[in-house]
Amino acid sequence: MVSSGRSRSELKRGRTLDLREVRSIRATRLVLNGVRELALEQFALPEPGALQVVLRTRLSAVSVSSELGVVEGRVPTSFPTTLGYQTLGVVEAVGEGVTLPIGTRVVTTLGHASAGVVPEARCLVVPPHVSDRAALAAILGEETFKGVRKLAASRHESVLIAGAGLLGLLTVFNLTRRGVSNVTVVEPNAERRALAETFGAVATSPGHLAREDFDVGFECSASPEGFAELLSHLRPRGRACVLSDGNWGALTLPRAFHERELSVVASSDGEDYQGYAAWLWTHSREGLERLFETTVAPSDVPSTFERLRRPPRPVSVVVDWSLEGS
């Protein structure tokens, strides 16, 4: 929650705040001070510069595999560091040159913080008919769709996806909503398999694939075993895209990669978040909220990461900043 000696109505006048006013605004953010050393800290918001907005956060979503890898020390980083990159909030104040009205609901990459200053260009305006939770899919949705674009899977091709976490399920969503109907997901968790099926995929558990001739594959499991199984079930000269970052171990190429002359590419950050969001808003009522059901208060985030160390893990965890202090 944003707190200030100034009233909330003063923040909503849409003018550039002077330094004294901004320094009086206090916010809370999640900080990682070392491996498994999570803490919530108070901080002063910086003054918004030209083309920047002050955002009050409603929800922030945890990308479980990626963020847990940082918390556990599997991903090299320097400390202290902040976490998160899927944030929904409301514009509270603006810097010079900003065109967004005060009160605009947006998705951005602020992370796990009750408020912050972000560039206007990184804000995706959320239409009134789109729910807060469905809107959270815009960031990782574009990042998975970038991989889909790289492989250019056609409607007649068969697709195999390893892993039905948030990356895998959004990949299913992006494919089936664009007419690719022959999609199979390999996932050990029964609840995640059920979610994949609601988005139009066939889902099976590891070790139970009956065919080895899929045209296209997407690695979303972040595990060496999942990656190896994916490549082993592609046809000769099949193609695959690595969307995960191997947080459960290094991804190594199995013999099938060379024997079948497979092509493997990687895809990371998105390229056109605004364009993707415009498409997503037309499909926002198709079950996306189910990806963001597990909810915690900010004070529970450190203990939540401790629980996430052991399966079963939810697809995502949403931090509800309206519960701050509860």
Foldseek 3Di string as FASTA:
>chain_A
DKDFPDDLVVLQPAEFDDQVRQQRIKKWFWKQADQLRIDIDIDGEGGAEAQKFKWFFFKFKAQLLVQLLVNRVVDDDDPTDGDGFWTWTFTRYHYHPHDDHGGFIWIFGPGGMRIYMDGNVRTATADPVFDPQLRSLLFLLQQLVVQCVVQVDDQPFAEEEEDQFSNRLSNLLVCVVVRNQRYEYEYQDPVSQVSSVLSRYHYDYPPPDPAQDGQEYEYDHLAQVSLASRLRRHAQQHEYEYEDDNSVHDHDYDPSCVVSVYHYYYTYGGDCSNVSSVVSSVVNVSPSSQLEPAEDEPVCVSVLSVVSVDDPDRSMYMYRPVRPPD
